[in-house]
Every structure is written in C-alpha cells, then in structure tokens.
Amino acid sequence: MKKLIALFAVSTLASTAATAGIALSGTSSVSYDDNGTAASATTYDADITLVGTAGGTTFTYSMDVAGNTGNNANPTTTAADMTSTIGPITIAADMFQVNESNLNDGDGDAKLDSDDTGVTISLDAPIGDATIGLDNSGNVTVSGSWSGVTVSHTGKKGGDTTTASAAIAGMDISVTNKAGATTWTLGTTVSGVDLTLNSSQAITAAFGLTGNTMTVSHIAAVSSAVSTATTHSVSAVKAYSTVAVSRDLTSGAALSATYSSFDDSLTLKASVAF
C-alpha cells in the first residue's frame, strides 16, 4: 500500500512539473448585426492560445475554434511559433503557413499563397543596444532604441523597410518607409480624449462616458486599383464613420454596440477573455 501511495505521489509530481510551464489563454465572442437594410446576421468566434516554456525555449500554438465560416466549421490552426535563446543569440521559427484568401472580393487579396514559414536568427550586438537579425530569405534587420527613438531597418530584395517611433511632448509618433512609400501615425491625449490620426486621413477619438468607453472613428475612402500579377483588383469604398460604446462588466465579460454609417447598421457584441 505504501508503495502505491509513493508511486502515486511521484506520478503527481511528474505531471505537475510537465504542466508547470504551460499557459492557456483565449477569447470568445458572439455578435448580432442588423446589417441596416440587409438581412441580419449572428456570428461567433472563439480562439485559444497555448504557450509552453522550458528553459530558454518557448512554443506558441494558436487555434481558431469557432470562426465565422459556419457553425460546423472545423477548428483551424492560426499560428505555430518557437523561439529559443542561447546566450546573445535568439532563434525564432515560424512553422505555420498562413493561407491567404485568394477570392476577388474587392480588397486586393493575394492571387497565390505565399510561403511565410521560416527561421530568423537574431544577435544582441554591443552597438548601442541594437539587435541584428538574419532570416532564411536573406533579409537583414537592424533595430534598437537611441535617445528615446526606436528604429528598425530591414534590407531585402524588392525594397527596404524603415520604421521609426518615439514619444515626444505627449505624442506617440510612428513613421514607416516601405520601398519608397511613407506612412505615418500620430497619437495623443487631449483632455482625457485619446486621438489617433494617420496618413490615410483616418481619425479615431476614444473617451470615457459614465462608466463606458466611446470611440468615434472616421475611416478614409479607398480608391480603386487594378489587379496585378500577384493581387486582385481593389474596389473603391467611400469614407464613413463609426461610433462604438463598450463596457467592461465585473464578471469579466465585455459588451459593445457599434453603429456604422457605411451601411446604416448596428452591431451588438458580447465577448470574454481568459
């Protein structure tokens, strides 16, 4: 009997040690959209993320349990990544290839799937807190922070990408240049209102309102574009505005109501994260 008790104790200890480095998190939501003059619709979504850590190695697996493709849709993998740190070297492996939507629905979807799996090796170099990275495609990235400004530069075939961000005089500024095209985002808080403006002329304002959070957004118009060898055409979309009111409940759930002038619709959503 004592041997059985001892064996049970050892088994329990081994199981506890095996699961001590595993963290489980997820989100779940249900939305009702009256769709304006069109037929109303109810959608569901549930996502789970599993993170396992052993020493300097971390594995992350994410899954879409109930997407918006039908009640009988099977769970699908959305991410599978592993990182391992050995001294100043970090090795990151992306083991899941994202399947793009190749349908021509008017928003420039890719015509062919791209292989986004790969391995990146980064080295913390003693050159002003900079990090140098090299991936299996031959892209080289140098990133770091100097005098409060965070800069990242990636040299690759087809066009380099440089991003700089900083907090200056109460404003969060981010500028990105990709293959010669520059975009920017500016965020600040004025009298308790969080304001965001970007180079596409989209504006968002979020502020507290009697225990709720109200977010007013203006979405910029989208110009049409012809199809290319790699992407479908883009349909023109007029500018529109949205007003969203959300509230966090003591139960841990969140409720929100969003009105969109694009199609004169009202969406009600309940969600929970764990």
Protein backbone atom coordinates (compact mmCIF):
# COMPACT_ATOMS: atom_id res chain seq x y z
CA MET A 1 0.00 0.00 0.00
CA LYS A 2 2.85 2.39 0.86
CA LYS A 3 4.47 1.61 -2.49
CA LEU A 4 1.23 2.53 -4.30
CA ILE A 5 0.96 5.78 -2.35
CA ALA A 6 4.60 6.62 -3.14
CA LEU A 7 4.09 5.76 -6.82
CA PHE A 8 1.01 7.99 -6.96
CA ALA A 9 2.95 10.83 -5.35
CA VAL A 10 5.77 10.51 -7.89
CA SER A 11 3.27 10.39 -10.78
CA THR A 12 1.53 13.50 -9.50
CA LEU A 13 4.82 15.34 -9.14
CA ALA A 14 5.88 14.40 -12.66
CA SER A 15 2.56 15.57 -14.10
CA THR A 16 2.75 18.87 -12.21
CA ALA A 17 6.30 19.51 -13.42
CA ALA A 18 5.30 18.75 -17.00
CA THR A 19 2.43 21.27 -16.96
CA ALA A 20 4.06 23.97 -14.83
CA GLY A 21 5.47 25.73 -17.91
CA ILE A 22 2.20 25.67 -19.90
CA ALA A 23 -0.14 28.66 -20.07
CA LEU A 24 -3.59 28.61 -21.68
CA SER A 25 -5.50 31.71 -22.76
CA GLY A 26 -8.28 32.54 -25.15
CA THR A 27 -11.21 34.72 -26.19
CA SER A 28 -14.82 34.08 -27.11
CA SER A 29 -17.48 36.37 -28.57
CA VAL A 30 -20.91 36.46 -30.19
CA SER A 31 -22.12 39.35 -32.38
CA TYR A 32 -25.51 40.34 -33.76
CA ASP A 33 -25.52 42.73 -36.72
CA ASP A 34 -28.81 44.12 -38.09
CA ASN A 35 -26.90 44.98 -41.31
CA GLY A 36 -29.03 48.05 -41.96
CA THR A 37 -31.48 47.33 -44.78
CA ALA A 38 -29.92 43.90 -45.50
CA ALA A 39 -30.71 40.67 -43.67
CA SER A 40 -29.46 40.49 -40.08
CA ALA A 41 -26.70 38.04 -39.12
CA THR A 42 -25.27 36.42 -35.98
CA THR A 43 -21.59 35.42 -35.89
CA TYR A 44 -19.46 33.55 -33.37
CA ASP A 45 -15.76 33.42 -32.66
CA ALA A 46 -13.56 31.55 -30.18
CA ASP A 47 -9.76 31.43 -30.10
CA ILE A 48 -7.34 29.50 -27.88
CA THR A 49 -3.60 30.05 -27.42
CA LEU A 50 -1.28 27.54 -25.76
CA VAL A 51 2.20 28.66 -24.62
CA GLY A 52 4.75 26.16 -23.37
CA THR A 53 8.06 27.24 -21.81
CA ALA A 54 11.06 25.07 -20.97
CA GLY A 55 14.25 26.89 -20.01
CA GLY A 56 15.07 29.40 -22.72
CA THR A 57 12.68 27.86 -25.28
CA THR A 58 9.05 28.92 -25.81
CA PHE A 59 6.50 27.29 -28.11
CA THR A 60 3.25 29.07 -29.00
CA TYR A 61 0.26 27.41 -30.68
CA SER A 62 -2.94 29.27 -31.58
CA MET A 63 -6.21 27.89 -32.90
CA ASP A 64 -9.47 29.38 -34.18
CA VAL A 65 -12.04 27.12 -32.53
CA ALA A 66 -15.20 28.67 -33.97
CA GLY A 67 -14.69 31.10 -36.80
CA ASN A 68 -17.27 32.90 -38.89
CA THR A 69 -17.34 30.29 -41.66
CA GLY A 70 -20.31 28.32 -40.34
CA ASN A 71 -21.41 26.53 -37.20
CA ASN A 72 -19.97 23.22 -38.42
CA ALA A 73 -16.56 24.59 -39.37
CA ASN A 74 -13.62 22.60 -38.00
CA PRO A 75 -11.03 24.24 -35.73
CA THR A 76 -8.11 25.70 -37.67
CA THR A 77 -4.51 26.46 -36.73
CA THR A 78 -3.65 30.16 -36.85
CA ALA A 79 -0.06 30.18 -35.51
CA ALA A 80 2.75 27.81 -34.53
CA ASP A 81 5.96 29.51 -33.41
CA MET A 82 9.02 28.52 -31.41
CA THR A 83 11.79 30.71 -30.01
CA SER A 84 14.95 29.69 -28.21
CA THR A 85 17.60 31.88 -26.61
CA ILE A 86 21.20 30.75 -26.27
CA GLY A 87 23.34 33.48 -24.75
CA PRO A 88 23.16 36.57 -27.02
CA ILE A 89 21.57 34.57 -29.88
CA THR A 90 17.81 34.13 -30.35
CA ILE A 91 16.44 31.64 -32.88
CA ALA A 92 12.79 32.05 -33.95
CA ALA A 93 10.95 29.53 -36.14
CA ASP A 94 7.57 30.20 -37.80
CA MET A 95 6.22 26.72 -38.57
CA PHE A 96 2.74 27.59 -39.86
CA GLN A 97 1.97 28.90 -43.32
CA VAL A 98 -0.97 31.29 -43.35
CA ASN A 99 -3.46 30.53 -46.13
CA GLU A 100 -4.46 33.81 -47.70
CA SER A 101 -7.96 34.44 -49.04
CA ASN A 102 -7.50 34.27 -52.80
CA LEU A 103 -11.06 35.28 -53.69
CA ASN A 104 -11.52 38.50 -55.62
CA ASP A 105 -13.74 40.27 -53.07
CA GLY A 106 -12.51 43.74 -53.98
CA ASP A 107 -9.93 44.40 -51.29
CA GLY A 108 -6.74 43.32 -53.03
CA ASP A 109 -6.44 39.71 -51.84
CA ALA A 110 -3.40 37.76 -52.98
CA LYS A 111 -3.86 35.58 -56.04
CA LEU A 112 -1.40 32.96 -54.82
CA ASP A 113 -0.46 31.73 -51.34
CA SER A 114 2.93 32.93 -50.13
CA ASP A 115 5.25 30.80 -48.02
CA ASP A 116 5.60 32.75 -44.78
CA THR A 117 7.27 29.99 -42.78
CA GLY A 118 10.92 30.44 -41.94
CA VAL A 119 13.67 30.81 -39.37
CA THR A 120 15.19 34.04 -38.07
CA ILE A 121 18.44 34.28 -36.11
CA SER A 122 18.99 37.44 -34.04
CA LEU A 123 22.13 38.61 -32.29
CA ASP A 124 22.20 41.19 -29.48
CA ALA A 125 25.25 43.14 -30.62
CA PRO A 126 27.09 45.64 -28.40
CA ILE A 127 26.45 48.61 -30.72
CA GLY A 128 24.16 50.86 -28.71
CA ASP A 129 21.54 48.28 -27.69
CA ALA A 130 20.95 47.26 -31.30
CA THR A 131 19.76 43.85 -32.44
CA ILE A 132 20.84 42.34 -35.76
CA GLY A 133 18.63 39.69 -37.36
CA LEU A 134 19.01 37.44 -40.40
CA ASP A 135 16.27 35.20 -41.77
CA ASN A 136 16.35 32.30 -44.22
CA SER A 137 15.23 34.61 -47.06
CA GLY A 138 18.39 36.68 -46.74
CA ASN A 139 16.66 39.70 -45.17
CA VAL A 140 18.79 41.59 -42.65
CA THR A 141 17.15 43.63 -39.89
CA VAL A 142 18.84 46.10 -37.55
CA SER A 143 16.73 47.52 -34.70
CA GLY A 144 17.29 49.38 -31.47
CA SER A 145 16.50 52.45 -29.38
CA TRP A 146 18.60 55.59 -29.22
CA SER A 147 17.73 58.80 -27.32
CA GLY A 148 14.12 57.67 -26.88
CA VAL A 149 13.61 56.85 -30.57
CA THR A 150 13.07 53.24 -31.67
CA VAL A 151 14.33 52.50 -35.18
CA SER A 152 14.08 49.33 -37.26
CA HIS A 153 15.55 48.87 -40.74
CA THR A 154 15.11 45.74 -42.88
CA GLY A 155 17.15 45.34 -46.03
CA LYS A 156 15.55 42.99 -48.52
CA LYS A 157 15.13 42.37 -52.21
CA GLY A 158 12.29 44.42 -53.70
CA GLY A 159 12.50 47.33 -51.28
CA ASP A 160 13.87 48.16 -47.83
CA THR A 161 11.58 48.97 -44.88
CA THR A 162 12.45 51.52 -42.20
CA THR A 163 10.28 52.30 -39.17
CA ALA A 164 10.88 54.95 -36.51
CA SER A 165 8.72 55.62 -33.46
CA ALA A 166 9.00 57.92 -30.47
CA ALA A 167 7.03 59.63 -27.71
CA ILE A 168 7.63 63.39 -27.98
CA ALA A 169 5.85 66.07 -25.94
CA GLY A 170 2.94 63.78 -25.11
CA MET A 171 2.57 62.49 -28.67
CA ASP A 172 3.23 58.96 -29.95
CA ILE A 173 4.68 59.21 -33.44
CA SER A 174 5.43 56.38 -35.88
CA VAL A 175 6.79 56.76 -39.43
CA THR A 176 7.33 53.89 -41.88
CA ASN A 177 9.00 53.98 -45.27
CA LYS A 178 8.50 50.87 -47.38
CA ALA A 179 10.07 50.68 -50.81
CA GLY A 180 9.96 54.47 -51.08
CA ALA A 181 6.36 54.93 -49.84
CA THR A 182 5.97 56.68 -46.48
CA THR A 183 3.10 56.28 -44.00
CA TRP A 184 2.72 57.75 -40.52
CA THR A 185 0.57 57.56 -37.39
CA LEU A 186 0.14 60.19 -34.68
CA GLY A 187 -1.49 59.57 -31.31
CA THR A 188 -2.04 61.90 -28.36
CA THR A 189 -4.38 62.55 -25.43
CA VAL A 190 -6.22 65.85 -25.06
CA SER A 191 -8.47 66.49 -22.02
CA GLY A 192 -8.89 62.76 -21.47
CA VAL A 193 -9.65 62.01 -25.14
CA ASP A 194 -7.29 59.62 -26.93
CA LEU A 195 -6.82 60.84 -30.51
CA THR A 196 -5.20 58.92 -33.38
CA LEU A 197 -4.52 60.25 -36.88
CA ASN A 198 -2.72 58.51 -39.73
CA SER A 199 -1.51 59.34 -43.21
CA SER A 200 -4.63 57.88 -44.85
CA GLN A 201 -6.65 60.64 -43.07
CA ALA A 202 -8.37 58.15 -40.77
CA ILE A 203 -9.18 59.64 -37.34
CA THR A 204 -10.14 57.93 -34.06
CA ALA A 205 -11.21 59.51 -30.77
CA ALA A 206 -11.81 57.44 -27.62
CA PHE A 207 -13.03 58.78 -24.27
CA GLY A 208 -14.77 57.65 -21.09
CA LEU A 209 -18.50 58.24 -20.74
CA THR A 210 -20.33 57.42 -17.46
CA GLY A 211 -18.54 54.11 -16.94
CA ASN A 212 -18.40 53.29 -20.65
CA THR A 213 -15.84 53.91 -23.37
CA MET A 214 -17.00 55.66 -26.52
CA THR A 215 -14.89 55.51 -29.67
CA VAL A 216 -15.69 57.70 -32.66
CA SER A 217 -13.84 56.84 -35.88
CA HIS A 218 -13.67 58.28 -39.37
CA ILE A 219 -12.49 55.74 -41.95
CA ALA A 220 -10.91 57.25 -45.03
CA ALA A 221 -12.08 56.47 -48.53
CA VAL A 222 -10.32 53.76 -50.54
CA SER A 223 -9.50 54.30 -54.19
CA SER A 224 -9.97 51.56 -56.73
CA ALA A 225 -6.94 49.74 -58.11
CA VAL A 226 -6.49 47.34 -60.99
CA SER A 227 -5.32 43.79 -60.45
CA THR A 228 -1.63 42.94 -60.67
CA ALA A 229 0.31 39.75 -61.25
CA THR A 230 0.10 38.95 -57.53
CA THR A 231 -3.08 40.65 -56.24
CA HIS A 232 -6.71 41.04 -57.29
CA SER A 233 -8.28 44.43 -58.01
CA VAL A 234 -9.38 46.80 -55.23
CA SER A 235 -12.92 48.20 -55.16
CA ALA A 236 -13.48 51.85 -54.35
CA VAL A 237 -15.05 52.47 -50.91
CA LYS A 238 -16.50 55.78 -49.77
CA ALA A 239 -15.46 57.33 -46.48
CA TYR A 240 -17.67 56.54 -43.49
CA SER A 241 -17.82 56.89 -39.71
CA THR A 242 -18.46 54.56 -36.78
CA VAL A 243 -19.49 55.14 -33.18
CA ALA A 244 -18.82 52.35 -30.67
CA VAL A 245 -19.81 52.22 -26.99
CA SER A 246 -18.23 49.46 -24.87
CA ARG A 247 -18.39 48.48 -21.21
CA ASP A 248 -16.35 46.02 -19.13
CA LEU A 249 -18.50 44.03 -16.69
CA THR A 250 -17.42 42.83 -13.25
CA SER A 251 -17.99 39.25 -14.47
CA GLY A 252 -15.03 39.64 -16.83
CA ALA A 253 -17.16 39.92 -19.96
CA ALA A 254 -17.39 42.99 -22.21
CA LEU A 255 -20.36 44.41 -24.10
CA SER A 256 -20.26 46.77 -27.07
CA ALA A 257 -22.60 48.43 -29.54
CA THR A 258 -21.28 49.84 -32.81
CA TYR A 259 -23.10 51.99 -35.36
CA SER A 260 -21.66 52.36 -38.88
CA SER A 261 -22.75 54.98 -41.38
CA PHE A 262 -21.34 52.82 -44.19
CA ASP A 263 -24.47 50.66 -44.31
CA ASP A 264 -26.55 52.25 -41.52
CA SER A 265 -26.03 49.16 -39.36
CA LEU A 266 -25.92 48.45 -35.64
CA THR A 267 -23.76 45.61 -34.23
CA LEU A 268 -24.14 44.24 -30.70
CA LYS A 269 -21.26 42.14 -29.35
CA ALA A 270 -20.56 40.21 -26.13
CA SER A 271 -17.06 38.86 -25.50
CA VAL A 272 -14.93 37.32 -22.78
CA ALA A 273 -11.20 36.68 -22.43
CA PHE A 274 -9.48 34.23 -20.12
